[in-house]
């Protein structure tokens, strides 16, 4: 069905163009957001537990390395799915190893979720990251952790790298945070809060609170382990001190990583089914059926699968993506090929991700002859005829997958670094080629 197969080389990855409507059934690996949350909770639990069908990617590998450095036992056991082993997690010992280095790579969840755990160590923990991620916002996290009793030496930079002087416990208490830059600040604190000496009373005070579904995901994950999070008002959370229950947990497929596959149905006028779509999910990707409907798609659910069918055209949209910002690159890709201008707002915080996603999208769109403008809190796209050219990943997995998506309809698109998809979906090139070939998933 495609005119090119996956063949990465030093010149980049030639995005295959679709010669006809895509019709395929796809499986995607486990959710990165859920995997890294459940790894942290398993590390803090009151006994060993198993994660079934976790994501195996660069981000989850960084989390595993960080937890291992902090004394958590991790054992791989044979899994039943197509994407790798299950994991048996044995919580960190009372006296976690001291004087260790945690390298977060590009993983925001690692830098925001593991730093509170470092306070439980007895000794120094250096937290650092890949040079391309040292810019990611951490100042509010550092300030708030200091207020609940974590000793952090950042040499006055309010950023990575920094040193945590672990004292074996974290006091906790009442604190206010501005989480406008990332909901991960809230989630990182909530995940560890039950282990704080006096628990946590957290208030958000800021212009906005992005990606609320990710906070809902954290609260639900805690509830499954017996930790009740009281929410007396919007932007306020109370977590009492207490145990975190050990459990065996099955990880849902990553619904946001399913987005470019489902969007391929609209671009080609075809039909794509994603297996294992949960009946209920707090993942932002769970909103894809409604979001894609705005572009003219039809969707249906049957026997645990979601099927999206494209129409005769892609409709221009005006959408507030404040709750689902991670889907913005895929939706911008659709807007480039729509029948009218589109505006996306509520995503100013995307400037602080792996790259400045708004600037990166505008750069790539213009490189192909398209028209996109940054807004104060979003991006506007006006469809124009596009030509092939270089689509830069900017060290960002969602930039890379969006380039692949645009390439379905625009011959000659070359993604400079498709390997960056390994951050959350190492199998992406193979899964993309299999979708274009209409091959059923294996396993």
Protein backbone atom coordinates (compact mmCIF):
# COMPACT_ATOMS: atom_id res chain seq x y z
CA UNK A 1 0.00 0.00 0.00
CA UNK A 2 2.95 2.36 0.47
CA UNK A 3 5.54 3.45 -2.06
CA UNK A 4 8.45 3.22 0.38
CA UNK A 5 9.43 0.86 3.18
CA UNK A 6 11.16 1.69 6.42
CA UNK A 7 14.84 2.20 5.60
CA UNK A 8 16.60 4.55 8.02
CA UNK A 9 19.99 5.90 7.02
CA UNK A 10 22.30 8.78 7.76
CA UNK A 11 20.22 11.08 5.55
CA UNK A 12 17.09 10.54 7.63
CA UNK A 13 13.93 8.45 7.37
CA UNK A 14 11.89 8.77 4.19
CA UNK A 15 8.29 8.93 5.38
CA UNK A 16 6.25 6.50 3.25
CA UNK A 17 3.32 7.95 1.27
CA UNK A 18 0.01 6.11 1.16
CA UNK A 19 -1.07 5.12 -2.35
CA UNK A 20 -4.55 4.11 -1.23
CA UNK A 21 -6.79 4.18 1.82
CA UNK A 22 -5.20 2.59 4.86
CA UNK A 23 -7.14 -0.33 6.32
CA UNK A 24 -5.39 -1.91 9.26
CA UNK A 25 -5.61 -3.25 12.81
CA UNK A 26 -2.92 -1.89 15.12
CA UNK A 27 -1.61 -2.71 18.57
CA UNK A 28 0.42 -0.12 20.46
CA UNK A 29 2.68 -0.63 23.50
CA UNK A 30 1.74 0.26 27.06
CA UNK A 31 1.14 3.77 28.33
CA UNK A 32 4.29 5.66 29.29
CA UNK A 33 2.35 7.82 31.73
CA UNK A 34 0.80 4.85 33.51
CA UNK A 35 3.99 2.75 33.42
CA UNK A 36 6.10 5.41 35.12
CA UNK A 37 3.41 6.24 37.68
CA UNK A 38 2.94 2.59 38.58
CA UNK A 39 6.68 2.01 38.80
CA UNK A 40 6.97 4.80 41.38
CA UNK A 41 3.98 3.54 43.36
CA UNK A 42 5.31 -0.03 43.28
CA UNK A 43 8.65 1.26 44.57
CA UNK A 44 6.88 2.92 47.52
CA UNK A 45 4.38 0.11 48.21
CA UNK A 46 4.16 -2.09 51.30
CA UNK A 47 5.26 -5.22 49.42
CA UNK A 48 6.29 -6.62 46.03
CA UNK A 49 4.05 -6.33 42.99
CA UNK A 50 3.97 -7.06 39.26
CA UNK A 51 3.42 -4.68 36.34
CA UNK A 52 1.92 -6.52 33.38
CA UNK A 53 2.43 -5.24 29.82
CA UNK A 54 4.48 -2.19 30.87
CA UNK A 55 6.05 0.07 28.28
CA UNK A 56 9.65 -0.72 27.38
CA UNK A 57 11.12 2.50 25.97
CA UNK A 58 13.81 5.08 26.66
CA UNK A 59 11.61 6.90 29.20
CA UNK A 60 10.64 3.76 31.12
CA UNK A 61 14.25 2.51 31.01
CA UNK A 62 15.33 5.76 32.65
CA UNK A 63 12.74 5.23 35.36
CA UNK A 64 13.91 1.66 35.95
CA UNK A 65 17.54 2.81 36.20
CA UNK A 66 16.59 5.60 38.62
CA UNK A 67 14.62 3.29 40.90
CA UNK A 68 17.35 0.65 40.82
CA UNK A 69 19.90 3.29 41.85
CA UNK A 70 17.63 4.14 44.80
CA UNK A 71 17.54 0.54 45.98
CA UNK A 72 14.39 -0.78 44.33
CA UNK A 73 14.50 -4.41 43.18
CA UNK A 74 13.38 -4.95 39.59
CA UNK A 75 13.10 -8.38 37.97
CA UNK A 76 12.00 -9.10 34.42
CA UNK A 77 9.56 -11.98 34.00
CA UNK A 78 8.09 -13.40 30.83
CA UNK A 79 5.04 -11.50 29.58
CA UNK A 80 2.19 -12.74 27.43
CA UNK A 81 1.92 -9.74 25.06
CA UNK A 82 3.89 -8.71 21.97
CA UNK A 83 5.88 -5.88 23.54
CA UNK A 84 8.21 -7.49 26.07
CA UNK A 85 8.54 -8.70 29.63
CA UNK A 86 6.46 -8.02 32.70
CA UNK A 87 8.22 -6.55 35.74
CA UNK A 88 8.31 -7.68 39.37
CA UNK A 89 9.01 -4.71 41.66
CA UNK A 90 10.37 -5.07 45.21
CA UNK A 91 10.12 -1.77 47.14
CA UNK A 92 13.17 0.16 48.21
CA UNK A 93 14.75 -0.83 51.49
CA UNK A 94 14.41 1.34 54.56
CA UNK A 95 17.96 2.58 54.01
CA UNK A 96 18.17 3.25 50.27
CA UNK A 97 21.65 3.53 48.74
CA UNK A 98 23.35 6.88 49.13
CA UNK A 99 25.66 8.90 46.91
CA UNK A 100 24.11 7.91 43.60
CA UNK A 101 23.39 9.63 40.28
CA UNK A 102 19.96 9.62 38.63
CA UNK A 103 20.12 10.45 34.92
CA UNK A 104 16.62 11.34 33.73
CA UNK A 105 17.53 11.41 30.03
CA UNK A 106 14.71 13.34 28.36
CA UNK A 107 12.00 11.96 30.66
CA UNK A 108 9.99 14.66 32.42
CA UNK A 109 8.19 12.01 34.47
CA UNK A 110 11.52 10.78 35.85
CA UNK A 111 12.80 14.22 36.87
CA UNK A 112 9.45 15.21 38.45
CA UNK A 113 8.45 11.84 39.97
CA UNK A 114 11.82 10.58 41.26
CA UNK A 115 13.10 13.75 42.94
CA UNK A 116 10.67 13.36 45.89
CA UNK A 117 11.84 9.74 46.27
CA UNK A 118 15.42 10.95 46.53
CA UNK A 119 14.43 12.60 49.78
CA UNK A 120 13.86 9.13 51.27
CA UNK A 121 17.48 8.12 50.57
CA UNK A 122 20.17 8.44 53.25
CA UNK A 123 22.87 10.37 51.48
CA UNK A 124 23.42 12.38 48.34
CA UNK A 125 21.47 11.84 45.13
CA UNK A 126 22.52 13.83 42.07
CA UNK A 127 19.65 14.36 39.62
CA UNK A 128 20.63 15.27 36.07
CA UNK A 129 19.36 14.82 32.50
CA UNK A 130 20.34 14.78 28.85
CA UNK A 131 21.67 18.15 27.75
CA UNK A 132 18.59 18.64 25.55
CA UNK A 133 16.36 18.36 28.64
CA UNK A 134 18.26 20.48 31.16
CA UNK A 135 16.05 23.44 30.19
CA UNK A 136 12.82 21.74 31.24
CA UNK A 137 11.00 23.58 34.04
CA UNK A 138 11.95 22.39 37.54
CA UNK A 139 12.07 25.61 39.59
CA UNK A 140 8.61 25.28 41.16
CA UNK A 141 9.27 21.61 41.95
CA UNK A 142 12.53 22.49 43.70
CA UNK A 143 10.92 25.30 45.72
CA UNK A 144 7.94 23.21 46.77
CA UNK A 145 10.02 20.19 47.78
CA UNK A 146 12.19 22.41 49.93
CA UNK A 147 9.07 23.65 51.71
CA UNK A 148 8.03 20.08 52.57
CA UNK A 149 11.48 19.25 53.92
CA UNK A 150 13.63 18.00 51.04
CA UNK A 151 17.18 19.37 51.09
CA UNK A 152 18.01 20.37 47.48
CA UNK A 153 21.17 22.17 46.38
CA UNK A 154 20.71 23.61 42.87
CA UNK A 155 23.60 26.10 43.09
CA UNK A 156 21.07 28.89 42.63
CA UNK A 157 19.98 27.80 39.13
CA UNK A 158 16.46 26.52 39.92
CA UNK A 159 17.09 23.84 37.30
CA UNK A 160 18.81 20.55 36.60
CA UNK A 161 21.31 19.27 37.55
CA UNK A 162 20.94 19.48 41.33
CA UNK A 163 21.84 17.57 44.48
CA UNK A 164 19.30 16.06 46.88
CA UNK A 165 20.67 15.39 50.37
CA UNK A 166 18.46 12.51 51.44
CA UNK A 167 17.58 12.22 55.11
CA UNK A 168 15.60 8.99 55.01
CA UNK A 169 12.24 10.72 55.26
CA UNK A 170 10.27 13.73 53.98
CA UNK A 171 8.29 15.87 56.42
CA UNK A 172 5.42 16.92 54.15
CA UNK A 173 2.80 19.44 55.19
CA UNK A 174 0.85 22.24 53.55
CA UNK A 175 2.25 23.95 50.47
CA UNK A 176 1.23 26.00 47.43
CA UNK A 177 2.63 25.42 43.94
CA UNK A 178 2.28 27.07 40.55
CA UNK A 179 1.94 24.10 38.19
CA UNK A 180 1.18 26.22 35.11
CA UNK A 181 4.31 24.88 33.40
CA UNK A 182 3.54 21.19 33.96
CA UNK A 183 0.91 19.04 35.65
CA UNK A 184 3.78 16.65 36.43
CA UNK A 185 4.70 18.91 39.35
CA UNK A 186 1.40 17.99 41.01
CA UNK A 187 1.56 14.31 40.09
CA UNK A 188 5.15 13.97 41.30
CA UNK A 189 4.20 15.29 44.73
CA UNK A 190 0.98 13.30 45.01
CA UNK A 191 2.65 9.99 44.13
CA UNK A 192 4.97 10.17 47.15
CA UNK A 193 2.73 12.12 49.52
CA UNK A 194 1.33 9.17 51.47
CA UNK A 195 4.89 8.32 52.54
CA UNK A 196 5.56 11.83 53.85
CA UNK A 197 5.63 12.02 57.66
CA UNK A 198 2.46 14.14 57.89
CA UNK A 199 1.10 13.64 54.38
CA UNK A 200 0.49 16.55 52.02
CA UNK A 201 -1.98 19.39 51.57
CA UNK A 202 -1.25 20.82 48.12
CA UNK A 203 -2.77 23.84 46.42
CA UNK A 204 -2.20 25.01 42.86
CA UNK A 205 -2.03 28.77 42.43
CA UNK A 206 -1.38 29.94 38.90
CA UNK A 207 -2.81 31.14 35.61
CA UNK A 208 -3.72 27.66 34.42
CA UNK A 209 -3.43 23.97 35.24
CA UNK A 210 -2.59 22.05 32.05
CA UNK A 211 -3.30 18.41 31.30
CA UNK A 212 -5.76 17.77 34.13
CA UNK A 213 -6.41 14.19 32.86
CA UNK A 214 -2.84 13.31 33.87
CA UNK A 215 -3.56 14.47 37.42
CA UNK A 216 -6.79 12.45 37.37
CA UNK A 217 -4.67 9.48 36.27
CA UNK A 218 -2.39 9.95 39.28
CA UNK A 219 -5.31 10.21 41.70
CA UNK A 220 -6.95 7.10 40.23
CA UNK A 221 -3.69 5.13 40.37
CA UNK A 222 -3.33 6.05 44.04
CA UNK A 223 -6.95 5.04 44.74
CA UNK A 224 -6.31 1.59 43.25
CA UNK A 225 -3.58 1.19 45.88
CA UNK A 226 -5.70 2.30 48.81
CA UNK A 227 -4.59 5.94 48.99
CA UNK A 228 -7.54 8.31 49.14
CA UNK A 229 -6.86 11.78 47.74
CA UNK A 230 -9.34 14.34 48.97
CA UNK A 231 -10.11 17.17 46.53
CA UNK A 232 -11.90 19.86 48.55
CA UNK A 233 -11.75 22.40 45.71
CA UNK A 234 -10.44 22.66 42.15
CA UNK A 235 -6.66 22.79 42.26
CA UNK A 236 -6.45 21.44 45.83
CA UNK A 237 -5.46 17.97 47.05
CA UNK A 238 -5.08 16.41 50.51
CA UNK A 239 -3.22 13.11 50.98
CA UNK A 240 -3.04 11.63 54.49
CA UNK A 241 0.04 9.66 55.54
CA UNK A 242 -0.30 5.90 55.26
CA UNK A 243 0.70 2.78 53.35
CA UNK A 244 0.62 2.36 49.59
CA UNK A 245 -0.84 -1.06 48.85
CA UNK A 246 1.18 -3.57 46.83
CA UNK A 247 -0.75 -4.83 43.80
CA UNK A 248 -0.35 -6.53 40.45
CA UNK A 249 -1.29 -3.96 37.79
CA UNK A 250 -1.98 -4.34 34.05
CA UNK A 251 -0.89 -1.30 32.01
CA UNK A 252 -3.26 0.05 29.34
CA UNK A 253 -2.05 0.67 25.78
CA UNK A 254 -0.73 4.19 25.22
CA UNK A 255 -3.73 5.96 23.71
CA UNK A 256 -1.78 9.12 22.81
CA UNK A 257 0.73 7.01 20.90
CA UNK A 258 -2.25 5.56 19.03
CA UNK A 259 -3.12 9.06 17.77
CA UNK A 260 -1.01 9.14 14.58
CA UNK A 261 -2.28 5.70 13.57
CA UNK A 262 -5.91 6.73 14.01
CA UNK A 263 -5.24 10.04 12.25
CA UNK A 264 -3.91 8.06 9.27
CA UNK A 265 -7.49 6.93 8.64
CA UNK A 266 -8.55 10.56 8.09
CA UNK A 267 -5.60 11.47 5.89
CA UNK A 268 -6.06 8.47 3.61
CA UNK A 269 -9.86 8.16 3.79
CA UNK A 270 -9.39 4.71 5.29
CA UNK A 271 -10.11 2.80 8.48
CA UNK A 272 -7.80 2.00 11.39
CA UNK A 273 -8.63 -0.13 14.41
CA UNK A 274 -6.61 -0.02 17.64
CA UNK A 275 -6.89 -3.18 19.72
CA UNK A 276 -7.15 -3.10 23.51
CA UNK A 277 -8.89 0.28 23.75
CA UNK A 278 -10.11 0.54 27.39
CA UNK A 279 -13.75 1.16 28.19
CA UNK A 280 -12.65 3.81 30.73
CA UNK A 281 -9.35 5.64 30.89
CA UNK A 282 -7.89 8.79 32.40
CA UNK A 283 -5.33 9.00 29.59
CA UNK A 284 -5.67 12.20 27.50
CA UNK A 285 -5.80 9.98 24.41
CA UNK A 286 -9.17 8.67 25.56
CA UNK A 287 -10.60 11.91 24.12
CA UNK A 288 -9.42 11.06 20.60
CA UNK A 289 -12.82 9.82 19.32
CA UNK A 290 -14.41 13.20 20.10
CA UNK A 291 -11.43 15.21 18.87
CA UNK A 292 -11.17 13.30 15.58
CA UNK A 293 -14.93 13.65 15.10
CA UNK A 294 -14.39 17.42 14.94
CA UNK A 295 -12.18 16.81 11.89
CA UNK A 296 -14.90 14.70 10.25
CA UNK A 297 -14.03 11.18 11.41
CA UNK A 298 -16.45 8.48 12.51
CA UNK A 299 -15.56 6.12 15.32
CA UNK A 300 -17.01 2.98 16.85
CA UNK A 301 -16.11 0.63 19.67
CA UNK A 302 -16.55 -3.10 19.61
CA UNK A 303 -15.04 -6.00 21.56
CA UNK A 304 -12.40 -3.86 23.25
CA UNK A 305 -11.26 -2.07 20.08
CA UNK A 306 -11.66 1.45 18.70
CA UNK A 307 -12.16 1.91 14.95
CA UNK A 308 -11.79 5.31 13.29
CA UNK A 309 -13.00 5.85 9.71
CA UNK A 310 -12.03 8.85 7.60
CA UNK A 311 -14.45 10.81 5.43
CA UNK A 312 -14.22 12.57 2.09
CA UNK A 313 -12.42 15.58 3.60
CA UNK A 314 -10.73 16.79 6.77
CA UNK A 315 -12.59 19.67 8.41
CA UNK A 316 -10.85 22.71 9.88
CA UNK A 317 -11.33 23.08 13.64
CA UNK A 318 -11.06 25.48 16.57
CA UNK A 319 -10.08 23.51 19.65
CA UNK A 320 -8.99 24.17 23.23
CA UNK A 321 -6.37 21.49 23.93
CA UNK A 322 -5.44 22.55 27.47
CA UNK A 323 -6.42 19.12 28.83
CA UNK A 324 -4.81 17.12 26.03
CA UNK A 325 -1.77 19.10 24.93
CA UNK A 326 0.30 16.03 24.07
CA UNK A 327 -2.13 15.35 21.19
CA UNK A 328 -1.50 18.78 19.64
CA UNK A 329 1.28 17.75 17.20
CA UNK A 330 -0.88 15.01 15.67
CA UNK A 331 -3.87 17.34 15.38
CA UNK A 332 -1.75 20.05 13.79
CA UNK A 333 -0.67 17.44 11.25
CA UNK A 334 -4.32 16.83 10.39
CA UNK A 335 -5.01 20.57 10.19
CA UNK A 336 -2.32 20.98 7.53
CA UNK A 337 -4.39 18.76 5.25
CA UNK A 338 -7.83 20.14 6.14
CA UNK A 339 -10.29 22.19 4.09
CA UNK A 340 -10.18 25.36 6.24
CA UNK A 341 -7.94 27.12 8.79
CA UNK A 342 -7.64 25.66 12.29
CA UNK A 343 -6.79 27.23 15.64
CA UNK A 344 -5.53 25.36 18.69
CA UNK A 345 -5.30 27.11 22.08
CA UNK A 346 -4.54 26.18 25.68
CA UNK A 347 -1.12 24.77 24.78
CA UNK A 348 1.36 27.49 25.67
CA UNK A 349 2.95 25.05 28.13
CA UNK A 350 4.16 22.95 25.19
CA UNK A 351 7.05 25.39 24.87
CA UNK A 352 8.63 23.62 27.87
CA UNK A 353 8.56 20.02 26.60
CA UNK A 354 11.35 18.01 24.93
CA UNK A 355 11.57 21.01 22.62
CA UNK A 356 9.50 24.16 22.20
CA UNK A 357 6.78 22.23 20.41
CA UNK A 358 4.96 25.29 19.09
CA UNK A 359 8.10 26.75 17.53
CA UNK A 360 9.12 23.33 16.20
CA UNK A 361 5.74 22.78 14.55
CA UNK A 362 5.79 26.22 12.93
CA UNK A 363 9.33 25.62 11.65
CA UNK A 364 8.44 22.26 10.12
CA UNK A 365 5.19 23.46 8.58
CA UNK A 366 6.92 26.40 6.90
CA UNK A 367 9.77 24.15 5.72
CA UNK A 368 7.19 22.24 3.64
CA UNK A 369 5.62 25.42 2.27
CA UNK A 370 2.76 25.55 4.73
CA UNK A 371 1.36 28.39 6.80
CA UNK A 372 1.41 28.29 10.61
CA UNK A 373 1.69 31.04 13.21
CA UNK A 374 2.40 30.86 16.89
CA UNK A 375 -0.20 32.42 19.18
CA UNK A 376 0.39 33.46 22.77
CA UNK A 377 -1.24 30.25 23.96
CA UNK A 378 -1.41 28.11 20.83
CA UNK A 379 -1.00 27.83 17.09
CA UNK A 380 -3.00 28.68 13.96
CA UNK A 381 -2.74 26.66 10.76
CA UNK A 382 -3.92 27.76 7.32
CA UNK A 383 -3.89 24.91 4.76
CA UNK A 384 -1.71 25.39 1.70
CA UNK A 385 -0.26 22.98 -0.87
CA UNK A 386 2.74 21.25 0.70
CA UNK A 387 5.94 19.97 -0.83
CA UNK A 388 8.41 17.35 0.35
CA UNK A 389 11.35 18.36 2.47
CA UNK A 390 13.13 17.84 5.78
CA UNK A 391 10.93 17.49 8.86
CA UNK A 392 13.05 17.96 11.98
CA UNK A 393 12.35 15.90 15.08
CA UNK A 394 14.08 18.36 17.46
CA UNK A 395 14.79 15.45 19.87
CA UNK A 396 10.99 15.09 20.27
CA UNK A 397 9.12 11.85 19.64
CA UNK A 398 5.84 13.60 18.81
CA UNK A 399 7.53 15.80 16.22
CA UNK A 400 8.86 12.65 14.55
CA UNK A 401 5.51 10.84 14.44
CA UNK A 402 3.80 13.97 13.09
CA UNK A 403 6.32 14.04 10.25
CA UNK A 404 5.42 10.44 9.44
CA UNK A 405 1.74 11.37 9.45
CA UNK A 406 2.16 14.33 7.08
CA UNK A 407 4.30 12.16 4.82
CA UNK A 408 1.30 9.92 4.11
CA UNK A 409 -0.14 12.68 1.92
CA UNK A 410 3.00 14.62 0.96
CA UNK A 411 5.61 12.65 -1.01
CA UNK A 412 9.21 13.41 -0.19
CA UNK A 413 8.95 14.17 3.53
CA UNK A 414 12.11 13.07 5.34
CA UNK A 415 12.19 12.88 9.16
CA UNK A 416 15.74 13.62 10.25
CA UNK A 417 15.66 11.42 13.38
CA UNK A 418 12.92 8.80 13.50
CA UNK A 419 14.93 7.13 16.28
CA UNK A 420 13.65 9.72 18.75
CA UNK A 421 10.35 7.78 18.78
CA UNK A 422 12.19 5.29 21.01
CA UNK A 423 11.45 7.69 23.88
CA UNK A 424 7.95 6.22 24.19
CA UNK A 425 7.48 3.80 21.25
CA UNK A 426 10.64 2.08 19.96
CA UNK A 427 8.57 -0.03 17.57
CA UNK A 428 7.07 2.95 15.75
CA UNK A 429 8.77 2.56 12.33
CA UNK A 430 7.89 -1.13 12.18
CA UNK A 431 4.31 -0.56 13.37
CA UNK A 432 3.89 2.26 10.82
CA UNK A 433 5.12 0.05 7.96
CA UNK A 434 2.87 -2.78 9.12
CA UNK A 435 -0.15 -0.43 9.20
CA UNK A 436 0.56 0.69 5.63
CA UNK A 437 0.87 -2.90 4.52
CA UNK A 438 -2.46 -3.72 6.20
CA UNK A 439 -0.80 -6.51 8.22
CA UNK A 440 -2.60 -7.88 11.26
CA UNK A 441 -0.66 -7.48 14.55
CA UNK A 442 1.27 -10.49 15.78
CA UNK A 443 1.15 -11.97 19.25
